[in-house]
Amino acid sequence: KPMNCPMHHKIFAARQRSYRDLPVRLSEYGTCYRYEKSGELFGLMRVRSMQMNDAHIYCSEEQFEEEFMAVIDLYLKYFEIFGIEKYVMRFSTHSKEGLGKKYIDNEALWEKTEEMVRRAMKNGGVNYIEVEDEAAFYGPKIDVQVWSAIGREFTLATNQVDFAVPPKFDLKFINADNEEETPLCIHRAPLSTHERMIGFLIEHYAGAFPVWLAPVQAILIPITDDHLDYCYDIADKLEAEGMRVEVAADSGRMGAKIRKAQKQKIPYMLVVGDREMEAGQVAPRLRSGEELDAMPVEDFIARAKEKIETRA
């Protein structure tokens, strides 16, 4: 399947819906396939098999503004979490010339839904730019353009209004007047595809993920093999606290292991020798090269957990 929409529409239509059921929100981390031309493939940014972080919200016109802005608020929360400071909300509208060709041929509904989006964004105090002739074929949309820390621009999220497809799938609900009514559908993909999001984050952080997001948060580096058992004991304690940890048990000098961990941009390198083992401590080094004073294992755990839990 190239998209998740038809399956969600069929789920909505599987039984009779009342206005009391709305909004109906269906989300899916679904696998989609698109046979992109080989010249258009681009690393993780454009692939043929993708995991789509997708949802469809079925609502009445009265519920539209609240549901639409809840999606925008979700995006802003994600940007705060990931430290994305530069972004633009692009409001894409139709063009009269494209009606019946590029867009569903219903000028009245286009104007109505575009005004609904404008009103929602203005009432929510969200800045946006309006761009003509870039809408989806079934309705207006907000595309979120972001820039990574090194300046590359990406389309990372979308929030689309669909007034055209629900009638084609004969989607209906019984309104408060006991009459059939067609719902609006909001298509939302807050973090793009899994592949594109990972590709963006790798570039955004230049591989130096914050502690909470790092694939490996700490690595224990024994000075000699005599310290390996102690390293494994510490690793067990860290894992019991939910941390992702490795032990550098491979052969090689300590200095080479530290350089390897720094290249991998692991946030914490915990060096262990006789002194640390006897005192029940670890000697943390940061990937920046900064060395911290040796500290009890419990103190390091508290320090790391504070960074993780606050997403510092």
C-alpha atoms as a PDB file:
ATOM      1  CA  LYS A   1       0.000   0.000   0.000  1.00  0.00           C
ATOM      2  CA  PRO A   2       1.290   3.508  -0.797  1.00  0.00           C
ATOM      3  CA  MET A   3      -0.586   5.101   2.121  1.00  0.00           C
ATOM      4  CA  ASN A   4      -2.655   4.224   5.190  1.00  0.00           C
ATOM      5  CA  CYS A   5      -5.695   6.406   4.398  1.00  0.00           C
ATOM      6  CA  PRO A   6      -8.009   3.878   2.659  1.00  0.00           C
ATOM      7  CA  MET A   7      -7.606   1.320   5.444  1.00  0.00           C
ATOM      8  CA  HIS A   8      -8.495   3.887   8.092  1.00  0.00           C
ATOM      9  CA  HIS A   9     -11.507   5.033   6.065  1.00  0.00           C
ATOM     10  CA  LYS A  10     -12.719   1.427   5.913  1.00  0.00           C
ATOM     11  CA  ILE A  11     -12.310   1.070   9.673  1.00  0.00           C
ATOM     12  CA  PHE A  12     -14.387   4.217  10.238  1.00  0.00           C
ATOM     13  CA  ALA A  13     -17.074   2.916   7.855  1.00  0.00           C
ATOM     14  CA  ALA A  14     -17.149  -0.553   9.437  1.00  0.00           C
ATOM     15  CA  ARG A  15     -19.971   0.403  11.784  1.00  0.00           C
ATOM     16  CA  GLN A  16     -22.512   3.160  12.267  1.00  0.00           C
ATOM     17  CA  ARG A  17     -21.113   6.277  13.934  1.00  0.00           C
ATOM     18  CA  SER A  18     -22.903   8.854  16.065  1.00  0.00           C
ATOM     19  CA  TYR A  19     -21.891  12.458  16.679  1.00  0.00           C
ATOM     20  CA  ARG A  20     -21.243  11.264  20.245  1.00  0.00           C
ATOM     21  CA  ASP A  21     -18.448   9.013  18.888  1.00  0.00           C
ATOM     22  CA  LEU A  22     -16.631  11.918  17.255  1.00  0.00           C
ATOM     23  CA  PRO A  23     -13.847  12.747  17.010  1.00  0.00           C
ATOM     24  CA  VAL A  24     -12.603   9.315  15.962  1.00  0.00           C
ATOM     25  CA  ARG A  25      -8.802   9.250  15.921  1.00  0.00           C
ATOM     26  CA  LEU A  26      -7.031   6.323  14.218  1.00  0.00           C
ATOM     27  CA  SER A  27      -3.238   6.177  14.296  1.00  0.00           C
ATOM     28  CA  GLU A  28      -0.884   3.671  12.717  1.00  0.00           C
ATOM     29  CA  TYR A  29       2.856   3.255  12.473  1.00  0.00           C
ATOM     30  CA  GLY A  30       2.225   1.498   9.167  1.00  0.00           C
ATOM     31  CA  THR A  31       4.522   0.194   6.451  1.00  0.00           C
ATOM     32  CA  CYS A  32       4.000   1.821   3.058  1.00  0.00           C
ATOM     33  CA  TYR A  33       5.685   1.231  -0.308  1.00  0.00           C
ATOM     34  CA  ARG A  34       6.258   3.696  -3.120  1.00  0.00           C
ATOM     35  CA  TYR A  35       8.210   2.808  -6.237  1.00  0.00           C
ATOM     36  CA  GLU A  36      10.335   5.937  -6.364  1.00  0.00           C
ATOM     37  CA  LYS A  37      12.601   6.268  -9.385  1.00  0.00           C
ATOM     38  CA  SER A  38      16.184   5.281  -8.644  1.00  0.00           C
ATOM     39  CA  GLY A  39      17.440   8.810  -9.289  1.00  0.00           C
ATOM     40  CA  GLU A  40      15.026  10.185  -6.678  1.00  0.00           C
ATOM     41  CA  LEU A  41      16.179   7.884  -3.866  1.00  0.00           C
ATOM     42  CA  PHE A  42      18.191   9.785  -1.268  1.00  0.00           C
ATOM     43  CA  GLY A  43      19.640   7.955   1.728  1.00  0.00           C
ATOM     44  CA  LEU A  44      17.093   7.737   4.530  1.00  0.00           C
ATOM     45  CA  MET A  45      15.287  10.830   3.258  1.00  0.00           C
ATOM     46  CA  ARG A  46      13.546   9.169   0.305  1.00  0.00           C
ATOM     47  CA  VAL A  47      13.142   5.408   0.292  1.00  0.00           C
ATOM     48  CA  ARG A  48      10.848   2.841  -1.331  1.00  0.00           C
ATOM     49  CA  SER A  49       9.770   1.069   1.869  1.00  0.00           C
ATOM     50  CA  MET A  50       8.893   3.362   4.754  1.00  0.00           C
ATOM     51  CA  GLN A  51       7.292   3.283   8.189  1.00  0.00           C
ATOM     52  CA  MET A  52       4.659   6.017   8.123  1.00  0.00           C
ATOM     53  CA  ASN A  53       3.887   7.767  11.404  1.00  0.00           C
ATOM     54  CA  ASP A  54       0.335   8.476  10.408  1.00  0.00           C
ATOM     55  CA  ALA A  55      -3.130   9.233  11.791  1.00  0.00           C
ATOM     56  CA  HIS A  56      -6.567  10.231  10.568  1.00  0.00           C
ATOM     57  CA  ILE A  57      -8.981  12.243  12.678  1.00  0.00           C
ATOM     58  CA  TYR A  58     -12.664  12.145  11.730  1.00  0.00           C
ATOM     59  CA  CYS A  59     -14.596  15.079  13.156  1.00  0.00           C
ATOM     60  CA  SER A  60     -17.517  17.421  12.621  1.00  0.00           C
ATOM     61  CA  GLU A  61     -17.049  20.984  11.379  1.00  0.00           C
ATOM     62  CA  GLU A  62     -17.699  22.244  14.922  1.00  0.00           C
ATOM     63  CA  GLN A  63     -14.824  20.106  16.225  1.00  0.00           C
ATOM     64  CA  PHE A  64     -12.442  20.968  13.400  1.00  0.00           C
ATOM     65  CA  GLU A  65     -10.595  23.940  14.890  1.00  0.00           C
ATOM     66  CA  GLU A  66      -9.878  22.232  18.220  1.00  0.00           C
ATOM     67  CA  GLU A  67      -8.667  19.035  16.536  1.00  0.00           C
ATOM     68  CA  PHE A  68      -6.610  20.842  13.898  1.00  0.00           C
ATOM     69  CA  MET A  69      -4.856  23.036  16.453  1.00  0.00           C
ATOM     70  CA  ALA A  70      -4.236  20.064  18.761  1.00  0.00           C
ATOM     71  CA  VAL A  71      -2.143  18.630  15.927  1.00  0.00           C
ATOM     72  CA  ILE A  72      -0.237  21.927  15.527  1.00  0.00           C
ATOM     73  CA  ASP A  73       0.372  21.998  19.301  1.00  0.00           C
ATOM     74  CA  LEU A  74       1.688  18.422  19.073  1.00  0.00           C
ATOM     75  CA  TYR A  75       4.198  19.528  16.436  1.00  0.00           C
ATOM     76  CA  LEU A  76       5.362  22.475  18.536  1.00  0.00           C
ATOM     77  CA  LYS A  77       5.860  20.148  21.517  1.00  0.00           C
ATOM     78  CA  TYR A  78       7.993  17.820  19.401  1.00  0.00           C
ATOM     79  CA  PHE A  79      10.105  20.752  18.214  1.00  0.00           C
ATOM     80  CA  GLU A  80      10.699  21.745  21.836  1.00  0.00           C
ATOM     81  CA  ILE A  81      11.737  18.187  22.745  1.00  0.00           C
ATOM     82  CA  PHE A  82      14.185  17.837  19.851  1.00  0.00           C
ATOM     83  CA  GLY A  83      15.535  21.374  20.073  1.00  0.00           C
ATOM     84  CA  ILE A  84      14.267  22.419  16.639  1.00  0.00           C
ATOM     85  CA  GLU A  85      14.299  26.188  16.771  1.00  0.00           C
ATOM     86  CA  LYS A  86      13.999  27.133  13.105  1.00  0.00           C
ATOM     87  CA  TYR A  87      10.779  26.126  11.375  1.00  0.00           C
ATOM     88  CA  VAL A  88       8.074  27.569   9.140  1.00  0.00           C
ATOM     89  CA  MET A  89       4.401  26.616   8.910  1.00  0.00           C
ATOM     90  CA  ARG A  90       3.487  26.655   5.190  1.00  0.00           C
ATOM     91  CA  PHE A  91      -0.237  26.952   4.518  1.00  0.00           C
ATOM     92  CA  SER A  92      -0.763  25.433   1.069  1.00  0.00           C
ATOM     93  CA  THR A  93      -3.916  26.424  -0.834  1.00  0.00           C
ATOM     94  CA  HIS A  94      -5.409  25.512  -4.208  1.00  0.00           C
ATOM     95  CA  SER A  95      -5.469  27.486  -7.444  1.00  0.00           C
ATOM     96  CA  LYS A  96      -8.556  28.034  -9.569  1.00  0.00           C
ATOM     97  CA  GLU A  97      -6.631  26.964 -12.662  1.00  0.00           C
ATOM     98  CA  GLY A  98      -6.005  23.542 -11.092  1.00  0.00           C
ATOM     99  CA  LEU A  99      -9.642  22.739 -10.298  1.00  0.00           C
ATOM    100  CA  GLY A 100     -10.707  19.514 -11.975  1.00  0.00           C
ATOM    101  CA  LYS A 101      -7.088  18.740 -12.882  1.00  0.00           C
ATOM    102  CA  LYS A 102      -4.751  18.967  -9.940  1.00  0.00           C
ATOM    103  CA  TYR A 103      -7.488  19.500  -7.346  1.00  0.00           C
ATOM    104  CA  ILE A 104     -10.993  18.255  -6.587  1.00  0.00           C
ATOM    105  CA  ASP A 105     -13.398  20.447  -8.579  1.00  0.00           C
ATOM    106  CA  ASN A 106     -15.393  22.116  -5.804  1.00  0.00           C
ATOM    107  CA  GLU A 107     -14.503  25.776  -5.447  1.00  0.00           C
ATOM    108  CA  ALA A 108     -16.987  26.419  -2.609  1.00  0.00           C
ATOM    109  CA  LEU A 109     -15.550  23.691  -0.388  1.00  0.00           C
ATOM    110  CA  TRP A 110     -12.001  24.804  -1.123  1.00  0.00           C
ATOM    111  CA  GLU A 111     -12.766  28.353  -0.031  1.00  0.00           C
ATOM    112  CA  LYS A 112     -14.679  27.167   3.015  1.00  0.00           C
ATOM    113  CA  THR A 113     -12.002  24.780   4.323  1.00  0.00           C
ATOM    114  CA  GLU A 114      -9.149  27.177   3.576  1.00  0.00           C
ATOM    115  CA  GLU A 115     -10.897  29.854   5.610  1.00  0.00           C
ATOM    116  CA  MET A 116     -11.400  27.321   8.434  1.00  0.00           C
ATOM    117  CA  VAL A 117      -7.633  26.689   8.489  1.00  0.00           C
ATOM    118  CA  ARG A 118      -6.814  30.424   8.423  1.00  0.00           C
ATOM    119  CA  ARG A 119      -9.196  31.088  11.285  1.00  0.00           C
ATOM    120  CA  ALA A 120      -7.821  28.210  13.355  1.00  0.00           C
ATOM    121  CA  MET A 121      -4.200  29.315  12.879  1.00  0.00           C
ATOM    122  CA  LYS A 122      -4.988  32.963  13.663  1.00  0.00           C
ATOM    123  CA  ASN A 123      -7.063  32.088  16.724  1.00  0.00           C
ATOM    124  CA  GLY A 124      -4.231  29.849  17.905  1.00  0.00           C
ATOM    125  CA  GLY A 125      -1.684  32.636  17.463  1.00  0.00           C
ATOM    126  CA  VAL A 126       0.499  30.503  15.198  1.00  0.00           C
ATOM    127  CA  ASN A 127       2.530  32.308  12.537  1.00  0.00           C
ATOM    128  CA  TYR A 128       2.399  30.879   9.021  1.00  0.00           C
ATOM    129  CA  ILE A 129       3.068  31.762   5.422  1.00  0.00           C
ATOM    130  CA  GLU A 130       0.465  31.137   2.716  1.00  0.00           C
ATOM    131  CA  VAL A 131       1.506  29.502  -0.546  1.00  0.00           C
ATOM    132  CA  GLU A 132      -0.894  29.133  -3.471  1.00  0.00           C
ATOM    133  CA  ASP A 133      -1.145  26.029  -5.661  1.00  0.00           C
ATOM    134  CA  GLU A 134       0.604  23.592  -3.314  1.00  0.00           C
ATOM    135  CA  ALA A 135      -2.392  21.974  -1.585  1.00  0.00           C
ATOM    136  CA  ALA A 136      -3.161  18.256  -1.533  1.00  0.00           C
ATOM    137  CA  PHE A 137      -5.640  17.215  -4.225  1.00  0.00           C
ATOM    138  CA  TYR A 138      -8.334  16.726  -1.564  1.00  0.00           C
ATOM    139  CA  GLY A 139      -7.883  19.850   0.568  1.00  0.00           C
ATOM    140  CA  PRO A 140      -5.647  22.533   2.072  1.00  0.00           C
ATOM    141  CA  LYS A 141      -2.738  21.649   4.332  1.00  0.00           C
ATOM    142  CA  ILE A 142      -0.052  22.924   6.648  1.00  0.00           C
ATOM    143  CA  ASP A 143       3.434  21.653   5.774  1.00  0.00           C
ATOM    144  CA  VAL A 144       6.100  22.181   8.412  1.00  0.00           C
ATOM    145  CA  GLN A 145       9.521  23.086   7.049  1.00  0.00           C
ATOM    146  CA  VAL A 146      12.399  22.659   9.498  1.00  0.00           C
ATOM    147  CA  TRP A 147      16.122  23.268   9.323  1.00  0.00           C
ATOM    148  CA  SER A 148      18.747  21.037  10.849  1.00  0.00           C
ATOM    149  CA  ALA A 149      21.536  22.468  12.987  1.00  0.00           C
ATOM    150  CA  ILE A 150      23.797  22.561   9.925  1.00  0.00           C
ATOM    151  CA  GLY A 151      21.233  24.457   7.847  1.00  0.00           C
ATOM    152  CA  ARG A 152      19.578  21.839   5.623  1.00  0.00           C
ATOM    153  CA  GLU A 153      15.834  22.286   5.036  1.00  0.00           C
ATOM    154  CA  PHE A 154      13.368  19.403   5.418  1.00  0.00           C
ATOM    155  CA  THR A 155       9.608  18.911   5.226  1.00  0.00           C
ATOM    156  CA  LEU A 156       9.129  17.060   8.495  1.00  0.00           C
ATOM    157  CA  ALA A 157       5.414  17.154   9.243  1.00  0.00           C
ATOM    158  CA  THR A 158       2.059  17.738   7.616  1.00  0.00           C
ATOM    159  CA  ASN A 159      -1.462  18.548   8.780  1.00  0.00           C
ATOM    160  CA  GLN A 160      -4.015  18.146   5.990  1.00  0.00           C
ATOM    161  CA  VAL A 161      -7.742  18.772   5.690  1.00  0.00           C
ATOM    162  CA  ASP A 162      -9.692  16.310   3.559  1.00  0.00           C
ATOM    163  CA  PHE A 163     -13.202  17.276   2.476  1.00  0.00           C
ATOM    164  CA  ALA A 164     -13.190  15.271  -0.763  1.00  0.00           C
ATOM    165  CA  VAL A 165     -12.341  11.649  -0.003  1.00  0.00           C
ATOM    166  CA  PRO A 166     -14.794  10.921   2.896  1.00  0.00           C
ATOM    167  CA  PRO A 167     -17.798  11.291   0.542  1.00  0.00           C
ATOM    168  CA  LYS A 168     -16.135   8.969  -1.989  1.00  0.00           C
ATOM    169  CA  PHE A 169     -15.866   6.307   0.743  1.00  0.00           C
ATOM    170  CA  ASP A 170     -19.440   7.070   1.809  1.00  0.00           C
ATOM    171  CA  LEU A 171     -18.277   7.977   5.324  1.00  0.00           C
ATOM    172  CA  LYS A 172     -21.120   9.218   7.492  1.00  0.00           C
ATOM    173  CA  PHE A 173     -22.183   9.810  11.071  1.00  0.00           C
ATOM    174  CA  ILE A 174     -25.568  10.541  12.607  1.00  0.00           C
ATOM    175  CA  ASN A 175     -25.616  14.143  13.810  1.00  0.00           C
ATOM    176  CA  ALA A 176     -27.549  15.686  16.718  1.00  0.00           C
ATOM    177  CA  ASP A 177     -30.564  16.218  14.414  1.00  0.00           C
ATOM    178  CA  ASN A 178     -30.605  12.461  13.681  1.00  0.00           C
ATOM    179  CA  GLU A 179     -29.492  13.092  10.104  1.00  0.00           C
ATOM    180  CA  GLU A 180     -26.568  11.630   8.169  1.00  0.00           C
ATOM    181  CA  GLU A 181     -23.571  13.934   7.838  1.00  0.00           C
ATOM    182  CA  THR A 182     -20.166  13.489   6.209  1.00  0.00           C
ATOM    183  CA  PRO A 183     -17.220  14.055   8.567  1.00  0.00           C
ATOM    184  CA  LEU A 184     -14.136  16.065   7.804  1.00  0.00           C
ATOM    185  CA  CYS A 185     -10.914  14.068   7.866  1.00  0.00           C
ATOM    186  CA  ILE A 186      -7.627  15.477   9.149  1.00  0.00           C
ATOM    187  CA  HIS A 187      -4.540  13.636   7.904  1.00  0.00           C
ATOM    188  CA  ARG A 188      -1.613  14.192  10.226  1.00  0.00           C
ATOM    189  CA  ALA A 189       1.969  12.905  10.117  1.00  0.00           C
ATOM    190  CA  PRO A 190       3.835  14.609  12.977  1.00  0.00           C
ATOM    191  CA  LEU A 191       7.278  13.100  12.521  1.00  0.00           C
ATOM    192  CA  SER A 192       7.288  12.234   8.836  1.00  0.00           C
ATOM    193  CA  THR A 193       8.383   8.662   8.118  1.00  0.00           C
ATOM    194  CA  HIS A 194      10.560   6.848  10.620  1.00  0.00           C
ATOM    195  CA  GLU A 195      13.398   6.808   8.094  1.00  0.00           C
ATOM    196  CA  ARG A 196      13.272  10.531   7.291  1.00  0.00           C
ATOM    197  CA  MET A 197      12.983  11.472  10.972  1.00  0.00           C
ATOM    198  CA  ILE A 198      16.044   9.396  11.880  1.00  0.00           C
ATOM    199  CA  GLY A 199      17.954  10.866   8.935  1.00  0.00           C
ATOM    200  CA  PHE A 200      17.010  14.384  10.028  1.00  0.00           C
ATOM    201  CA  LEU A 201      18.008  13.770  13.658  1.00  0.00           C
ATOM    202  CA  ILE A 202      21.379  12.296  12.663  1.00  0.00           C
ATOM    203  CA  GLU A 203      22.111  15.449  10.697  1.00  0.00           C
ATOM    204  CA  HIS A 204      20.485  17.811  13.209  1.00  0.00           C
ATOM    205  CA  TYR A 205      22.682  16.558  16.044  1.00  0.00           C
ATOM    206  CA  ALA A 206      25.644  15.716  13.764  1.00  0.00           C
ATOM    207  CA  GLY A 207      25.542  12.282  15.407  1.00  0.00           C
ATOM    208  CA  ALA A 208      26.031  13.720  18.911  1.00  0.00           C
ATOM    209  CA  PHE A 209      22.610  12.782  20.257  1.00  0.00           C
ATOM    210  CA  PRO A 210      21.537  14.160  23.635  1.00  0.00           C
ATOM    211  CA  VAL A 211      21.889  11.617  26.432  1.00  0.00           C
ATOM    212  CA  TRP A 212      18.191  10.699  26.469  1.00  0.00           C
ATOM    213  CA  LEU A 213      18.203   9.911  22.740  1.00  0.00           C
ATOM    214  CA  ALA A 214      21.663   8.347  22.300  1.00  0.00           C
ATOM    215  CA  PRO A 215      21.552   4.694  21.140  1.00  0.00           C
ATOM    216  CA  VAL A 216      24.318   3.928  23.656  1.00  0.00           C
ATOM    217  CA  GLN A 217      24.275   6.279  26.619  1.00  0.00           C
ATOM    218  CA  ALA A 218      27.372   5.039  28.460  1.00  0.00           C
ATOM    219  CA  ILE A 219      30.245   2.692  27.798  1.00  0.00           C
ATOM    220  CA  LEU A 220      32.424   1.164  30.511  1.00  0.00           C
ATOM    221  CA  ILE A 221      36.118   1.066  29.628  1.00  0.00           C
ATOM    222  CA  PRO A 222      38.351  -1.169  31.774  1.00  0.00           C
ATOM    223  CA  ILE A 223      42.007  -0.238  32.022  1.00  0.00           C
ATOM    224  CA  THR A 224      42.926  -3.953  32.076  1.00  0.00           C
ATOM    225  CA  ASP A 225      41.050  -7.238  31.861  1.00  0.00           C
ATOM    226  CA  ASP A 226      41.261  -7.442  35.668  1.00  0.00           C
ATOM    227  CA  HIS A 227      38.593  -4.756  35.804  1.00  0.00           C
ATOM    228  CA  LEU A 228      36.107  -6.434  33.443  1.00  0.00           C
ATOM    229  CA  ASP A 229      33.995  -8.150  36.105  1.00  0.00           C
ATOM    230  CA  TYR A 230      33.572  -4.844  37.933  1.00  0.00           C
ATOM    231  CA  CYS A 231      32.550  -3.182  34.637  1.00  0.00           C
ATOM    232  CA  TYR A 232      29.889  -5.824  34.073  1.00  0.00           C
ATOM    233  CA  ASP A 233      28.572  -5.321  37.605  1.00  0.00           C
ATOM    234  CA  ILE A 234      28.269  -1.569  36.971  1.00  0.00           C
ATOM    235  CA  ALA A 235      26.649  -2.211  33.591  1.00  0.00           C
ATOM    236  CA  ASP A 236      23.997  -4.353  35.307  1.00  0.00           C
ATOM    237  CA  LYS A 237      23.256  -1.501  37.731  1.00  0.00           C
ATOM    238  CA  LEU A 238      22.931   1.031  34.915  1.00  0.00           C
ATOM    239  CA  GLU A 239      20.691  -1.270  32.866  1.00  0.00           C
ATOM    240  CA  ALA A 240      18.503  -1.841  35.941  1.00  0.00           C
ATOM    241  CA  GLU A 241      17.950   1.953  35.926  1.00  0.00           C
ATOM    242  CA  GLY A 242      16.870   1.821  32.288  1.00  0.00           C
ATOM    243  CA  MET A 243      20.106   3.055  30.720  1.00  0.00           C
ATOM    244  CA  ARG A 244      21.534   1.741  27.449  1.00  0.00           C
ATOM    245  CA  VAL A 245      25.091   0.677  28.212  1.00  0.00           C
ATOM    246  CA  GLU A 246      27.961  -1.331  26.738  1.00  0.00           C
ATOM    247  CA  VAL A 247      31.225  -2.716  28.063  1.00  0.00           C
ATOM    248  CA  ALA A 248      34.371  -2.256  25.948  1.00  0.00           C
ATOM    249  CA  ALA A 249      35.491  -5.844  26.441  1.00  0.00           C
ATOM    250  CA  ASP A 250      37.372  -6.103  23.155  1.00  0.00           C
ATOM    251  CA  SER A 251      41.134  -6.351  23.136  1.00  0.00           C
ATOM    252  CA  GLY A 252      43.086  -3.147  22.766  1.00  0.00           C
ATOM    253  CA  ARG A 253      44.547  -0.291  24.720  1.00  0.00           C
ATOM    254  CA  MET A 254      42.402   1.923  26.892  1.00  0.00           C
ATOM    255  CA  GLY A 255      43.314   5.021  24.869  1.00  0.00           C
ATOM    256  CA  ALA A 256      42.176   3.383  21.630  1.00  0.00           C
ATOM    257  CA  LYS A 257      38.862   2.399  23.248  1.00  0.00           C
ATOM    258  CA  ILE A 258      38.300   5.965  24.408  1.00  0.00           C
ATOM    259  CA  ARG A 259      39.028   7.345  20.920  1.00  0.00           C
ATOM    260  CA  LYS A 260      36.639   4.811  19.385  1.00  0.00           C
ATOM    261  CA  ALA A 261      33.872   5.780  21.827  1.00  0.00           C
ATOM    262  CA  GLN A 262      34.472   9.477  21.116  1.00  0.00           C
ATOM    263  CA  LYS A 263      34.162   8.836  17.364  1.00  0.00           C
ATOM    264  CA  GLN A 264      30.884   7.057  18.053  1.00  0.00           C
ATOM    265  CA  LYS A 265      29.877  10.134  20.096  1.00  0.00           C
ATOM    266  CA  ILE A 266      28.769   8.108  23.109  1.00  0.00           C
ATOM    267  CA  PRO A 267      27.829  10.668  25.803  1.00  0.00           C
ATOM    268  CA  TYR A 268      29.598   8.992  28.755  1.00  0.00           C
ATOM    269  CA  MET A 269      32.789   6.942  28.837  1.00  0.00           C
ATOM    270  CA  LEU A 270      33.273   5.412  32.275  1.00  0.00           C
ATOM    271  CA  VAL A 271      36.904   4.500  32.824  1.00  0.00           C
ATOM    272  CA  VAL A 272      37.592   1.883  35.501  1.00  0.00           C
ATOM    273  CA  GLY A 273      40.926   0.992  37.083  1.00  0.00           C
ATOM    274  CA  ASP A 274      42.179  -0.287  40.426  1.00  0.00           C
ATOM    275  CA  ARG A 275      41.393   2.946  42.268  1.00  0.00           C
ATOM    276  CA  GLU A 276      37.802   3.122  40.983  1.00  0.00           C
ATOM    277  CA  MET A 277      37.191  -0.566  41.657  1.00  0.00           C
ATOM    278  CA  GLU A 278      38.436  -0.344  45.241  1.00  0.00           C
ATOM    279  CA  ALA A 279      36.362   2.788  45.969  1.00  0.00           C
ATOM    280  CA  GLY A 280      33.194   1.654  44.177  1.00  0.00           C
ATOM    281  CA  GLN A 281      33.498   4.532  41.727  1.00  0.00           C
ATOM    282  CA  VAL A 282      33.702   5.351  38.029  1.00  0.00           C
ATOM    283  CA  ALA A 283      35.752   8.051  36.284  1.00  0.00           C
ATOM    284  CA  PRO A 284      33.456   9.666  33.664  1.00  0.00           C
ATOM    285  CA  ARG A 285      34.747  11.250  30.489  1.00  0.00           C
ATOM    286  CA  LEU A 286      32.452  13.218  28.193  1.00  0.00           C
ATOM    287  CA  ARG A 287      32.552  12.846  24.418  1.00  0.00           C
ATOM    288  CA  SER A 288      33.836  16.430  24.293  1.00  0.00           C
ATOM    289  CA  GLY A 289      37.023  15.157  25.920  1.00  0.00           C
ATOM    290  CA  GLU A 290      36.267  16.713  29.305  1.00  0.00           C
ATOM    291  CA  GLU A 291      37.198  14.500  32.253  1.00  0.00           C
ATOM    292  CA  LEU A 292      35.076  14.561  35.398  1.00  0.00           C
ATOM    293  CA  ASP A 293      36.301  13.686  38.869  1.00  0.00           C
ATOM    294  CA  ALA A 294      35.835  10.072  39.906  1.00  0.00           C
ATOM    295  CA  MET A 295      32.482   9.637  41.638  1.00  0.00           C
ATOM    296  CA  PRO A 296      30.447   6.888  43.315  1.00  0.00           C
ATOM    297  CA  VAL A 297      28.386   4.847  40.886  1.00  0.00           C
ATOM    298  CA  GLU A 298      25.169   6.055  42.561  1.00  0.00           C
ATOM    299  CA  ASP A 299      26.165   9.696  41.962  1.00  0.00           C
ATOM    300  CA  PHE A 300      26.799   9.033  38.277  1.00  0.00           C
ATOM    301  CA  ILE A 301      23.449   7.265  37.931  1.00  0.00           C
ATOM    302  CA  ALA A 302      21.668  10.236  39.535  1.00  0.00           C
ATOM    303  CA  ARG A 303      23.488  12.674  37.215  1.00  0.00           C
ATOM    304  CA  ALA A 304      22.702  10.655  34.083  1.00  0.00           C
ATOM    305  CA  LYS A 305      19.076  10.000  35.023  1.00  0.00           C
ATOM    306  CA  GLU A 306      18.492  13.713  35.596  1.00  0.00           C
ATOM    307  CA  LYS A 307      19.765  14.418  32.051  1.00  0.00           C
ATOM    308  CA  ILE A 308      17.596  11.647  30.613  1.00  0.00           C
ATOM    309  CA  GLU A 309      14.381  12.412  32.466  1.00  0.00           C
ATOM    310  CA  THR A 310      14.529  16.144  31.718  1.00  0.00           C
ATOM    311  CA  ARG A 311      15.685  15.521  28.133  1.00  0.00           C
ATOM    312  CA  ALA A 312      18.479  18.003  28.735  1.00  0.00           C
END
